[in-house]
Amino acid sequence: MTTAAGTKVPGQRSGIGHAWLPAGRAALHGRETERAVIRELLRQAEQGSAGVVLVEGEPGIGKSLLLRDAGDQAAGRAFSLVAGAADPLAHATPLFTLRAAFHEPLTGLAAGRHCPDAPSTAYEWLAGLRSRIELRAASSPLLICLDDLHCESEATLAALRSLQRDLCGHPLAWMLARSSTVQCGADHLFSLLERDGAVRITLGPLA
């Protein structure tokens, strides 16, 4: 099942569902360099410019924990938070992970979202997600954490690429994680985002 951690408004930590657990500082011992990268990402978003941090590594190396720590840091800086994880069984549903993370309807289009000139329903969903992100980022800096992108469909990976480029002028921070042991479309997405300025973190074993 896709884990959609829900959304948070500034000052309300309880707005994040039970799937989003605080990382805890002790658990991040030895990741000071990576945590500094996240702090810089959040600082950049606070100044009104979007940024991307890419996290990769072997299964169990601590990618999800680092994303949760990013959420903890963002909560302490009055960010809004959206988080979710990809589901390998959701390929049949366009943009499933993004729509689930933003609580978009998964069985049809939301009322009032119809675009007569749109080339496909996927386009309409993407336009709706873009509007949702813009609205959230207009009220406070926004952190979007998406995990397990090695499981994600090419349609959603393409949507992430589009959203990241279209929203680069907003107070928005992206944390995207994938397993480096699986060859998939996420490899290409990470390379494209890194070429555009994203910071890539490759996690290794702790001493």
N, C-alpha and C. Protein backbone atom coordinates (compact mmCIF):
# COMPACT_ATOMS: atom_id res chain seq x y z
N MET A 1 0.84 -1.19 0.00
CA MET A 1 0.00 0.00 0.00
C MET A 1 0.87 1.24 0.00
N THR A 2 0.45 2.25 -0.73
CA THR A 2 1.17 3.51 -0.69
C THR A 2 0.99 4.15 0.68
N THR A 3 2.08 4.62 1.24
CA THR A 3 2.02 5.30 2.52
C THR A 3 1.93 6.78 2.28
N ALA A 4 0.77 7.33 2.46
CA ALA A 4 0.58 8.77 2.34
C ALA A 4 0.57 9.34 3.74
N ALA A 5 1.61 10.04 4.10
CA ALA A 5 1.74 10.51 5.47
C ALA A 5 0.84 11.68 5.76
N GLY A 6 0.20 12.20 4.76
CA GLY A 6 -0.72 13.28 4.99
C GLY A 6 -0.04 14.62 4.92
N THR A 7 -0.73 15.63 5.41
CA THR A 7 -0.24 16.99 5.32
C THR A 7 -0.21 17.63 6.68
N LYS A 8 0.58 18.67 6.80
CA LYS A 8 0.74 19.34 8.08
C LYS A 8 0.63 20.83 7.88
N VAL A 9 -0.01 21.50 8.81
CA VAL A 9 -0.01 22.94 8.81
C VAL A 9 0.93 23.40 9.90
N PRO A 10 1.54 24.60 9.74
CA PRO A 10 2.51 25.05 10.73
C PRO A 10 1.96 25.02 12.14
N GLY A 11 2.74 24.47 13.06
CA GLY A 11 2.35 24.45 14.46
C GLY A 11 1.49 23.27 14.85
N GLN A 12 1.14 22.40 13.92
CA GLN A 12 0.28 21.26 14.23
C GLN A 12 0.96 19.97 13.81
N ARG A 13 1.84 19.45 14.67
CA ARG A 13 2.54 18.22 14.37
C ARG A 13 1.58 17.05 14.25
N SER A 14 0.45 17.12 14.97
CA SER A 14 -0.51 16.02 14.92
C SER A 14 -1.20 15.92 13.57
N GLY A 15 -1.00 16.91 12.70
CA GLY A 15 -1.61 16.86 11.38
C GLY A 15 -1.00 15.79 10.50
N ILE A 16 0.17 15.24 10.90
CA ILE A 16 0.80 14.18 10.14
C ILE A 16 0.31 12.86 10.68
N GLY A 17 -0.07 11.95 9.79
CA GLY A 17 -0.62 10.68 10.22
C GLY A 17 0.40 9.80 10.93
N HIS A 18 -0.06 8.68 11.46
CA HIS A 18 0.80 7.81 12.25
C HIS A 18 1.91 7.20 11.42
N ALA A 19 1.76 7.20 10.08
CA ALA A 19 2.80 6.62 9.24
C ALA A 19 4.07 7.47 9.23
N TRP A 20 3.94 8.73 9.62
CA TRP A 20 5.10 9.62 9.62
C TRP A 20 5.60 9.73 11.05
N LEU A 21 6.66 9.00 11.38
CA LEU A 21 7.20 8.97 12.73
C LEU A 21 8.43 9.84 12.83
N PRO A 22 8.58 10.62 13.91
CA PRO A 22 9.78 11.42 14.08
C PRO A 22 11.03 10.55 14.03
N ALA A 23 12.07 11.06 13.39
CA ALA A 23 13.29 10.26 13.24
C ALA A 23 14.05 10.13 14.54
N GLY A 24 14.13 11.21 15.31
CA GLY A 24 14.91 11.18 16.54
C GLY A 24 16.38 11.43 16.26
N ARG A 25 16.98 12.31 17.03
CA ARG A 25 18.36 12.69 16.76
C ARG A 25 19.34 11.53 16.93
N ALA A 26 19.08 10.68 17.91
CA ALA A 26 20.00 9.57 18.15
C ALA A 26 20.09 8.66 16.93
N ALA A 27 18.95 8.46 16.27
CA ALA A 27 18.92 7.57 15.11
C ALA A 27 19.71 8.14 13.93
N LEU A 28 19.92 9.46 13.91
CA LEU A 28 20.63 10.10 12.80
C LEU A 28 22.09 10.35 13.14
N HIS A 29 22.59 9.77 14.21
CA HIS A 29 23.99 9.94 14.57
C HIS A 29 24.88 9.46 13.43
N GLY A 30 25.82 10.30 13.02
CA GLY A 30 26.70 9.95 11.93
C GLY A 30 26.25 10.48 10.58
N ARG A 31 25.11 11.16 10.53
CA ARG A 31 24.60 11.72 9.28
C ARG A 31 24.62 13.25 9.33
N GLU A 32 25.59 13.83 10.01
CA GLU A 32 25.63 15.28 10.17
C GLU A 32 25.78 15.98 8.83
N THR A 33 26.60 15.44 7.94
CA THR A 33 26.79 16.08 6.63
C THR A 33 25.49 16.10 5.85
N GLU A 34 24.78 14.99 5.84
CA GLU A 34 23.52 14.90 5.12
C GLU A 34 22.48 15.84 5.73
N ARG A 35 22.46 15.93 7.06
CA ARG A 35 21.49 16.81 7.72
C ARG A 35 21.79 18.27 7.39
N ALA A 36 23.06 18.60 7.22
CA ALA A 36 23.43 19.97 6.84
C ALA A 36 22.92 20.29 5.44
N VAL A 37 22.96 19.31 4.53
CA VAL A 37 22.42 19.51 3.19
C VAL A 37 20.93 19.80 3.26
N ILE A 38 20.23 19.08 4.13
CA ILE A 38 18.78 19.30 4.28
C ILE A 38 18.51 20.69 4.85
N ARG A 39 19.30 21.11 5.82
CA ARG A 39 19.11 22.46 6.38
C ARG A 39 19.27 23.53 5.30
N GLU A 40 20.24 23.34 4.42
CA GLU A 40 20.44 24.30 3.33
C GLU A 40 19.27 24.28 2.36
N LEU A 41 18.73 23.10 2.09
CA LEU A 41 17.55 22.99 1.23
C LEU A 41 16.38 23.77 1.82
N LEU A 42 16.15 23.61 3.12
CA LEU A 42 15.04 24.31 3.77
C LEU A 42 15.28 25.81 3.81
N ARG A 43 16.52 26.21 4.05
CA ARG A 43 16.84 27.65 4.06
C ARG A 43 16.56 28.26 2.69
N GLN A 44 16.91 27.54 1.64
CA GLN A 44 16.67 28.02 0.28
C GLN A 44 15.18 28.20 0.03
N ALA A 45 14.37 27.24 0.48
CA ALA A 45 12.92 27.34 0.31
C ALA A 45 12.36 28.51 1.10
N GLU A 46 12.87 28.75 2.28
CA GLU A 46 12.41 29.87 3.09
C GLU A 46 12.67 31.20 2.40
N GLN A 47 13.69 31.24 1.57
CA GLN A 47 14.01 32.46 0.85
C GLN A 47 13.26 32.57 -0.48
N GLY A 48 12.36 31.61 -0.73
CA GLY A 48 11.48 31.69 -1.88
C GLY A 48 11.92 30.97 -3.13
N SER A 49 12.94 30.13 -3.02
CA SER A 49 13.45 29.42 -4.19
C SER A 49 13.36 27.92 -3.97
N ALA A 50 12.84 27.21 -4.96
CA ALA A 50 12.67 25.77 -4.83
C ALA A 50 14.02 25.06 -4.97
N GLY A 51 14.13 23.91 -4.30
CA GLY A 51 15.33 23.10 -4.38
C GLY A 51 14.99 21.64 -4.27
N VAL A 52 15.93 20.79 -4.66
CA VAL A 52 15.72 19.35 -4.66
C VAL A 52 16.91 18.65 -4.04
N VAL A 53 16.65 17.71 -3.14
CA VAL A 53 17.69 16.82 -2.63
C VAL A 53 17.28 15.39 -2.97
N LEU A 54 18.20 14.67 -3.60
CA LEU A 54 17.98 13.30 -4.01
C LEU A 54 18.72 12.37 -3.06
N VAL A 55 18.03 11.36 -2.56
CA VAL A 55 18.62 10.44 -1.60
C VAL A 55 18.59 9.04 -2.19
N GLU A 56 19.74 8.36 -2.22
CA GLU A 56 19.78 7.02 -2.76
C GLU A 56 20.72 6.16 -1.92
N GLY A 57 20.55 4.87 -2.02
CA GLY A 57 21.38 3.94 -1.27
C GLY A 57 20.74 2.56 -1.26
N GLU A 58 21.44 1.61 -0.69
CA GLU A 58 20.94 0.25 -0.62
C GLU A 58 19.75 0.16 0.34
N PRO A 59 18.91 -0.85 0.19
CA PRO A 59 17.78 -1.04 1.11
C PRO A 59 18.27 -1.14 2.55
N GLY A 60 17.58 -0.44 3.44
CA GLY A 60 17.90 -0.50 4.86
C GLY A 60 19.03 0.41 5.30
N ILE A 61 19.56 1.23 4.40
CA ILE A 61 20.71 2.07 4.73
C ILE A 61 20.32 3.32 5.50
N GLY A 62 19.02 3.67 5.48
CA GLY A 62 18.57 4.82 6.25
C GLY A 62 17.95 5.94 5.43
N LYS A 63 17.53 5.65 4.21
CA LYS A 63 16.93 6.69 3.36
C LYS A 63 15.63 7.22 3.96
N SER A 64 14.75 6.31 4.35
CA SER A 64 13.46 6.74 4.90
C SER A 64 13.65 7.50 6.20
N LEU A 65 14.62 7.08 7.01
CA LEU A 65 14.90 7.77 8.25
C LEU A 65 15.37 9.19 7.99
N LEU A 66 16.18 9.37 6.96
CA LEU A 66 16.66 10.71 6.63
C LEU A 66 15.51 11.59 6.15
N LEU A 67 14.57 11.02 5.40
CA LEU A 67 13.40 11.78 4.98
C LEU A 67 12.55 12.18 6.18
N ARG A 68 12.39 11.28 7.13
CA ARG A 68 11.63 11.63 8.32
C ARG A 68 12.34 12.73 9.11
N ASP A 69 13.66 12.67 9.15
CA ASP A 69 14.40 13.73 9.82
C ASP A 69 14.20 15.07 9.11
N ALA A 70 14.15 15.04 7.78
CA ALA A 70 13.87 16.26 7.03
C ALA A 70 12.51 16.83 7.44
N GLY A 71 11.53 15.94 7.60
CA GLY A 71 10.22 16.39 8.06
C GLY A 71 10.27 17.00 9.45
N ASP A 72 11.07 16.41 10.33
CA ASP A 72 11.23 16.97 11.68
C ASP A 72 11.85 18.36 11.62
N GLN A 73 12.91 18.49 10.80
CA GLN A 73 13.55 19.80 10.68
C GLN A 73 12.57 20.83 10.12
N ALA A 74 11.80 20.44 9.11
CA ALA A 74 10.85 21.36 8.49
C ALA A 74 9.77 21.78 9.48
N ALA A 75 9.31 20.83 10.32
CA ALA A 75 8.28 21.16 11.30
C ALA A 75 8.76 22.22 12.27
N GLY A 76 10.03 22.17 12.60
CA GLY A 76 10.58 23.17 13.51
C GLY A 76 10.78 24.53 12.88
N ARG A 77 10.59 24.60 11.56
CA ARG A 77 10.78 25.86 10.84
C ARG A 77 9.49 26.33 10.20
N ALA A 78 8.35 25.84 10.72
CA ALA A 78 7.02 26.28 10.28
C ALA A 78 6.75 25.98 8.81
N PHE A 79 7.29 24.86 8.32
CA PHE A 79 6.97 24.40 6.97
C PHE A 79 5.65 23.65 6.99
N SER A 80 5.01 23.59 5.84
CA SER A 80 3.94 22.65 5.59
C SER A 80 4.59 21.41 4.98
N LEU A 81 4.01 20.25 5.24
CA LEU A 81 4.64 18.99 4.82
C LEU A 81 3.65 18.08 4.10
N VAL A 82 4.12 17.51 2.98
CA VAL A 82 3.38 16.46 2.27
C VAL A 82 4.35 15.31 2.07
N ALA A 83 3.92 14.09 2.39
CA ALA A 83 4.84 12.96 2.29
C ALA A 83 4.10 11.71 1.83
N GLY A 84 4.83 10.86 1.11
CA GLY A 84 4.25 9.61 0.65
C GLY A 84 5.34 8.69 0.15
N ALA A 85 4.96 7.47 -0.19
CA ALA A 85 5.92 6.50 -0.72
C ALA A 85 5.28 5.76 -1.89
N ALA A 86 6.12 5.42 -2.86
CA ALA A 86 5.61 4.77 -4.06
C ALA A 86 5.16 3.35 -3.78
N ASP A 87 4.25 2.88 -4.60
CA ASP A 87 3.68 1.54 -4.47
C ASP A 87 3.83 0.82 -5.81
N PRO A 88 4.56 -0.30 -5.86
CA PRO A 88 4.75 -0.99 -7.14
C PRO A 88 3.47 -1.54 -7.74
N LEU A 89 2.40 -1.60 -6.95
CA LEU A 89 1.12 -2.11 -7.45
C LEU A 89 0.22 -1.01 -7.98
N ALA A 90 0.68 0.25 -7.95
CA ALA A 90 -0.18 1.37 -8.31
C ALA A 90 0.08 1.89 -9.72
N HIS A 91 0.80 1.14 -10.53
CA HIS A 91 1.15 1.63 -11.87
C HIS A 91 -0.07 1.88 -12.74
N ALA A 92 -1.14 1.17 -12.48
CA ALA A 92 -2.31 1.30 -13.34
C ALA A 92 -3.07 2.59 -13.11
N THR A 93 -2.80 3.29 -12.01
CA THR A 93 -3.50 4.52 -11.69
C THR A 93 -2.58 5.71 -11.95
N PRO A 94 -2.94 6.60 -12.85
CA PRO A 94 -2.06 7.72 -13.18
C PRO A 94 -1.72 8.58 -11.95
N LEU A 95 -0.45 8.85 -11.77
CA LEU A 95 0.05 9.76 -10.73
C LEU A 95 -0.41 9.34 -9.34
N PHE A 96 -0.50 8.04 -9.11
CA PHE A 96 -1.10 7.54 -7.87
C PHE A 96 -0.42 8.10 -6.63
N THR A 97 0.90 8.04 -6.56
CA THR A 97 1.60 8.43 -5.34
C THR A 97 1.40 9.90 -5.03
N LEU A 98 1.52 10.76 -6.03
CA LEU A 98 1.32 12.19 -5.82
C LEU A 98 -0.12 12.49 -5.41
N ARG A 99 -1.06 11.86 -6.07
CA ARG A 99 -2.47 12.11 -5.75
C ARG A 99 -2.81 11.62 -4.35
N ALA A 100 -2.26 10.47 -3.96
CA ALA A 100 -2.51 9.97 -2.61
C ALA A 100 -1.89 10.88 -1.56
N ALA A 101 -0.68 11.35 -1.81
CA ALA A 101 -0.01 12.22 -0.84
C ALA A 101 -0.77 13.52 -0.63
N PHE A 102 -1.39 14.02 -1.69
CA PHE A 102 -2.15 15.27 -1.60
C PHE A 102 -3.64 15.03 -1.38
N HIS A 103 -4.01 13.77 -1.11
CA HIS A 103 -5.40 13.41 -0.86
C HIS A 103 -6.30 13.74 -2.04
N GLU A 104 -5.76 13.59 -3.25
CA GLU A 104 -6.57 13.76 -4.45
C GLU A 104 -7.43 12.51 -4.64
N PRO A 105 -8.64 12.65 -5.26
CA PRO A 105 -9.46 11.46 -5.54
C PRO A 105 -8.71 10.48 -6.42
N LEU A 106 -8.83 9.19 -6.12
CA LEU A 106 -8.12 8.17 -6.87
C LEU A 106 -9.03 7.43 -7.86
N THR A 107 -10.33 7.74 -7.84
CA THR A 107 -11.25 7.03 -8.73
C THR A 107 -11.85 7.92 -9.80
N GLY A 108 -11.48 9.18 -9.79
CA GLY A 108 -12.04 10.10 -10.80
C GLY A 108 -11.52 11.49 -10.57
N LEU A 109 -11.94 12.40 -11.41
CA LEU A 109 -11.49 13.78 -11.28
C LEU A 109 -12.26 14.50 -10.20
N ALA A 110 -11.60 15.42 -9.52
CA ALA A 110 -12.27 16.22 -8.51
C ALA A 110 -13.24 17.17 -9.18
N ALA A 111 -14.28 17.49 -8.44
CA ALA A 111 -15.27 18.41 -8.97
C ALA A 111 -14.63 19.75 -9.31
N GLY A 112 -15.02 20.30 -10.46
CA GLY A 112 -14.49 21.60 -10.84
C GLY A 112 -13.11 21.56 -11.44
N ARG A 113 -12.54 20.38 -11.65
CA ARG A 113 -11.18 20.30 -12.17
C ARG A 113 -11.15 20.00 -13.68
N HIS A 114 -12.30 19.87 -14.30
CA HIS A 114 -12.31 19.45 -15.70
C HIS A 114 -11.73 20.52 -16.61
N CYS A 115 -10.85 20.13 -17.54
CA CYS A 115 -10.24 21.03 -18.51
C CYS A 115 -10.63 20.56 -19.90
N PRO A 116 -11.58 21.22 -20.56
CA PRO A 116 -12.07 20.73 -21.85
C PRO A 116 -10.97 20.55 -22.89
N ASP A 117 -9.94 21.38 -22.86
CA ASP A 117 -8.89 21.32 -23.88
C ASP A 117 -7.73 20.43 -23.49
N ALA A 118 -7.80 19.76 -22.33
CA ALA A 118 -6.69 18.92 -21.89
C ALA A 118 -6.58 17.69 -22.79
N PRO A 119 -5.37 17.27 -23.13
CA PRO A 119 -5.19 16.12 -24.01
C PRO A 119 -5.49 14.79 -23.35
N SER A 120 -5.49 14.74 -22.01
CA SER A 120 -5.74 13.48 -21.31
C SER A 120 -6.12 13.76 -19.87
N THR A 121 -6.70 12.74 -19.20
CA THR A 121 -7.03 12.92 -17.79
C THR A 121 -5.78 13.07 -16.96
N ALA A 122 -4.68 12.43 -17.36
CA ALA A 122 -3.43 12.60 -16.63
C ALA A 122 -3.01 14.06 -16.62
N TYR A 123 -3.22 14.75 -17.73
CA TYR A 123 -2.90 16.18 -17.79
C TYR A 123 -3.75 16.95 -16.78
N GLU A 124 -5.01 16.61 -16.69
CA GLU A 124 -5.90 17.30 -15.76
C GLU A 124 -5.46 17.06 -14.31
N TRP A 125 -5.12 15.81 -13.99
CA TRP A 125 -4.64 15.52 -12.64
C TRP A 125 -3.36 16.30 -12.34
N LEU A 126 -2.46 16.36 -13.32
CA LEU A 126 -1.21 17.07 -13.12
C LEU A 126 -1.47 18.56 -12.90
N ALA A 127 -2.37 19.14 -13.67
CA ALA A 127 -2.72 20.55 -13.50
C ALA A 127 -3.32 20.79 -12.12
N GLY A 128 -4.15 19.86 -11.66
CA GLY A 128 -4.74 20.00 -10.33
C GLY A 128 -3.69 19.92 -9.23
N LEU A 129 -2.73 19.01 -9.37
CA LEU A 129 -1.66 18.89 -8.39
C LEU A 129 -0.79 20.14 -8.37
N ARG A 130 -0.50 20.67 -9.54
CA ARG A 130 0.30 21.89 -9.62
C ARG A 130 -0.40 23.03 -8.88
N SER A 131 -1.71 23.16 -9.09
CA SER A 131 -2.47 24.20 -8.40
C SER A 131 -2.47 23.99 -6.90
N ARG A 132 -2.60 22.72 -6.47
CA ARG A 132 -2.59 22.40 -5.05
C ARG A 132 -1.25 22.78 -4.41
N ILE A 133 -0.16 22.47 -5.08
CA ILE A 133 1.16 22.80 -4.55
C ILE A 133 1.34 24.31 -4.47
N GLU A 134 0.94 25.02 -5.52
CA GLU A 134 1.06 26.48 -5.53
C GLU A 134 0.28 27.10 -4.38
N LEU A 135 -0.91 26.59 -4.13
CA LEU A 135 -1.74 27.11 -3.06
C LEU A 135 -1.10 26.88 -1.70
N ARG A 136 -0.57 25.68 -1.49
CA ARG A 136 0.08 25.37 -0.20
C ARG A 136 1.33 26.22 0.00
N ALA A 137 2.12 26.35 -1.06
CA ALA A 137 3.37 27.11 -0.95
C ALA A 137 3.12 28.60 -0.79
N ALA A 138 1.94 29.07 -1.16
CA ALA A 138 1.64 30.49 -1.03
C ALA A 138 1.43 30.89 0.42
N SER A 139 1.04 29.93 1.27
CA SER A 139 0.77 30.25 2.68
C SER A 139 1.97 29.99 3.58
N SER A 140 2.85 29.07 3.21
CA SER A 140 4.06 28.78 3.99
C SER A 140 4.99 27.94 3.13
N PRO A 141 6.29 27.93 3.43
CA PRO A 141 7.19 27.05 2.68
C PRO A 141 6.71 25.60 2.77
N LEU A 142 6.91 24.86 1.71
CA LEU A 142 6.37 23.50 1.62
C LEU A 142 7.50 22.51 1.37
N LEU A 143 7.50 21.42 2.15
CA LEU A 143 8.41 20.31 1.93
C LEU A 143 7.62 19.12 1.42
N ILE A 144 8.05 18.56 0.29
CA ILE A 144 7.43 17.36 -0.26
C ILE A 144 8.45 16.23 -0.20
N CYS A 145 8.16 15.19 0.57
CA CYS A 145 9.03 14.02 0.71
C CYS A 145 8.38 12.82 0.04
N LEU A 146 9.05 12.25 -0.93
CA LEU A 146 8.54 11.07 -1.63
C LEU A 146 9.60 9.97 -1.58
N ASP A 147 9.21 8.82 -1.07
CA ASP A 147 10.14 7.72 -0.84
C ASP A 147 9.88 6.59 -1.84
N ASP A 148 10.86 5.69 -1.96
CA ASP A 148 10.73 4.46 -2.75
C ASP A 148 10.40 4.73 -4.22
N LEU A 149 11.01 5.76 -4.79
CA LEU A 149 10.69 6.10 -6.18
C LEU A 149 11.20 5.06 -7.18
N HIS A 150 12.01 4.11 -6.74
CA HIS A 150 12.39 3.01 -7.62
C HIS A 150 11.20 2.14 -7.98
N CYS A 151 10.12 2.25 -7.21
CA CYS A 151 8.89 1.49 -7.49
C CYS A 151 7.91 2.27 -8.36
N GLU A 152 8.24 3.52 -8.66
CA GLU A 152 7.25 4.41 -9.26
C GLU A 152 7.11 4.20 -10.76
N SER A 153 5.92 4.52 -11.26
CA SER A 153 5.64 4.42 -12.69
C SER A 153 6.31 5.56 -13.44
N GLU A 154 6.55 5.34 -14.72
CA GLU A 154 7.18 6.37 -15.53
C GLU A 154 6.30 7.61 -15.64
N ALA A 155 4.98 7.43 -15.61
CA ALA A 155 4.09 8.58 -15.69
C ALA A 155 4.27 9.51 -14.50
N THR A 156 4.39 8.93 -13.30
CA THR A 156 4.57 9.76 -12.12
C THR A 156 5.96 10.38 -12.09
N LEU A 157 6.98 9.65 -12.53
CA LEU A 157 8.33 10.22 -12.59
C LEU A 157 8.36 11.40 -13.56
N ALA A 158 7.68 11.27 -14.68
CA ALA A 158 7.61 12.38 -15.64
C ALA A 158 6.87 13.56 -15.02
N ALA A 159 5.82 13.29 -14.25
CA ALA A 159 5.08 14.36 -13.60
C ALA A 159 5.96 15.09 -12.57
N LEU A 160 6.77 14.35 -11.84
CA LEU A 160 7.69 14.97 -10.89
C LEU A 160 8.66 15.89 -11.61
N ARG A 161 9.17 15.44 -12.72
CA ARG A 161 10.09 16.26 -13.52
C ARG A 161 9.40 17.55 -13.94
N SER A 162 8.17 17.44 -14.42
CA SER A 162 7.41 18.61 -14.87
C SER A 162 7.13 19.57 -13.73
N LEU A 163 6.67 19.04 -12.61
CA LEU A 163 6.34 19.88 -11.47
C LEU A 163 7.56 20.60 -10.93
N GLN A 164 8.68 19.89 -10.86
CA GLN A 164 9.89 20.50 -10.33
C GLN A 164 10.33 21.68 -11.21
N ARG A 165 10.22 21.54 -12.50
CA ARG A 165 10.64 22.62 -13.40
C ARG A 165 9.65 23.77 -13.39
N ASP A 166 8.36 23.46 -13.35
CA ASP A 166 7.34 24.50 -13.42
C ASP A 166 7.25 25.33 -12.14
N LEU A 167 7.64 24.74 -11.00
CA LEU A 167 7.45 25.40 -9.70
C LEU A 167 8.77 25.84 -9.09
N CYS A 168 9.79 26.04 -9.91
CA CYS A 168 11.11 26.37 -9.37
C CYS A 168 11.16 27.73 -8.70
N GLY A 169 10.17 28.58 -8.95
CA GLY A 169 10.17 29.91 -8.34
C GLY A 169 9.34 30.00 -7.08
N HIS A 170 8.97 28.87 -6.48
CA HIS A 170 8.14 28.86 -5.28
C HIS A 170 8.95 28.41 -4.06
N PRO A 171 8.50 28.78 -2.86
CA PRO A 171 9.17 28.33 -1.63
C PRO A 171 8.90 26.86 -1.37
N LEU A 172 9.59 26.01 -2.11
CA LEU A 172 9.27 24.59 -2.17
C LEU A 172 10.55 23.76 -2.08
N ALA A 173 10.54 22.77 -1.20
CA ALA A 173 11.68 21.86 -1.05
C ALA A 173 11.21 20.44 -1.38
N TRP A 174 11.98 19.75 -2.22
CA TRP A 174 11.69 18.38 -2.60
C TRP A 174 12.74 17.46 -1.98
N MET A 175 12.30 16.38 -1.35
CA MET A 175 13.17 15.30 -0.90
C MET A 175 12.69 14.03 -1.59
N LEU A 176 13.50 13.49 -2.49
CA LEU A 176 13.12 12.32 -3.28
C LEU A 176 14.11 11.19 -3.02
N ALA A 177 13.60 10.01 -2.70
CA ALA A 177 14.48 8.89 -2.33
C ALA A 177 14.18 7.67 -3.18
N ARG A 178 15.24 6.89 -3.43
CA ARG A 178 15.10 5.64 -4.19
C ARG A 178 16.20 4.68 -3.78
N SER A 179 15.97 3.41 -4.04
CA SER A 179 16.99 2.40 -3.83
C SER A 179 17.94 2.39 -5.02
N SER A 180 19.24 2.36 -4.74
CA SER A 180 20.23 2.37 -5.82
C SER A 180 20.47 0.97 -6.38
N THR A 181 19.84 -0.03 -5.81
CA THR A 181 20.07 -1.41 -6.28
C THR A 181 19.09 -1.82 -7.37
N VAL A 182 18.11 -0.97 -7.66
CA VAL A 182 17.09 -1.28 -8.67
C VAL A 182 17.27 -0.35 -9.85
N GLN A 183 17.47 -0.90 -11.05
CA GLN A 183 17.60 -0.11 -12.25
C GLN A 183 16.20 0.18 -12.79
N CYS A 184 15.86 1.45 -12.91
CA CYS A 184 14.50 1.81 -13.30
C CYS A 184 14.48 3.25 -13.81
N GLY A 185 13.27 3.74 -14.11
CA GLY A 185 13.13 5.09 -14.61
C GLY A 185 13.60 6.15 -13.63
N ALA A 186 13.61 5.83 -12.34
CA ALA A 186 14.06 6.80 -11.35
C ALA A 186 15.53 7.16 -11.56
N ASP A 187 16.32 6.25 -12.13
CA ASP A 187 17.72 6.55 -12.42
C ASP A 187 17.81 7.76 -13.35
N HIS A 188 17.01 7.73 -14.40
CA HIS A 188 17.02 8.82 -15.38
C HIS A 188 16.51 10.10 -14.77
N LEU A 189 15.44 10.02 -13.97
CA LEU A 189 14.91 11.21 -13.32
C LEU A 189 15.95 11.85 -12.42
N PHE A 190 16.63 11.05 -11.61
CA PHE A 190 17.64 11.58 -10.71
C PHE A 190 18.77 12.26 -11.49
N SER A 191 19.18 11.66 -12.61
CA SER A 191 20.23 12.25 -13.42
C SER A 191 19.80 13.60 -14.00
N LEU A 192 18.56 13.68 -14.48
CA LEU A 192 18.06 14.92 -15.03
C LEU A 192 17.96 16.01 -13.96
N LEU A 193 17.45 15.65 -12.79
CA LEU A 193 17.31 16.63 -11.72
C LEU A 193 18.68 17.09 -11.22
N GLU A 194 19.63 16.17 -11.14
CA GLU A 194 20.97 16.56 -10.72
C GLU A 194 21.61 17.50 -11.74
N ARG A 195 21.37 17.26 -12.99
CA ARG A 195 21.89 18.14 -14.04
C ARG A 195 21.32 19.55 -13.90
N ASP A 196 20.08 19.64 -13.41
CA ASP A 196 19.43 20.93 -13.23
C ASP A 196 19.76 21.59 -11.90
N GLY A 197 20.61 20.96 -11.09
CA GLY A 197 21.04 21.60 -9.86
C GLY A 197 20.66 20.89 -8.58
N ALA A 198 19.96 19.78 -8.66
CA ALA A 198 19.61 19.04 -7.45
C ALA A 198 20.87 18.49 -6.79
N VAL A 199 20.82 18.37 -5.47
CA VAL A 199 21.93 17.80 -4.70
C VAL A 199 21.65 16.32 -4.49
N ARG A 200 22.60 15.47 -4.84
CA ARG A 200 22.42 14.03 -4.68
C ARG A 200 23.19 13.54 -3.47
N ILE A 201 22.50 12.82 -2.59
CA ILE A 201 23.11 12.20 -1.43
C ILE A 201 23.09 10.69 -1.62
N THR A 202 24.26 10.08 -1.64
CA THR A 202 24.36 8.62 -1.72
C THR A 202 24.78 8.12 -0.34
N LEU A 203 23.87 7.47 0.34
CA LEU A 203 24.12 7.02 1.70
C LEU A 203 24.98 5.77 1.70
N GLY A 204 26.01 5.77 2.53
CA GLY A 204 26.83 4.59 2.74
C GLY A 204 26.67 4.10 4.17
N PRO A 205 27.29 2.98 4.50
CA PRO A 205 27.18 2.44 5.86
C PRO A 205 27.78 3.41 6.88
N LEU A 206 27.20 3.45 8.06
CA LEU A 206 27.74 4.27 9.13
C LEU A 206 28.94 3.56 9.76
N ALA A 207 29.86 4.37 10.25
CA ALA A 207 31.04 3.80 10.92
C ALA A 207 30.61 3.10 12.20
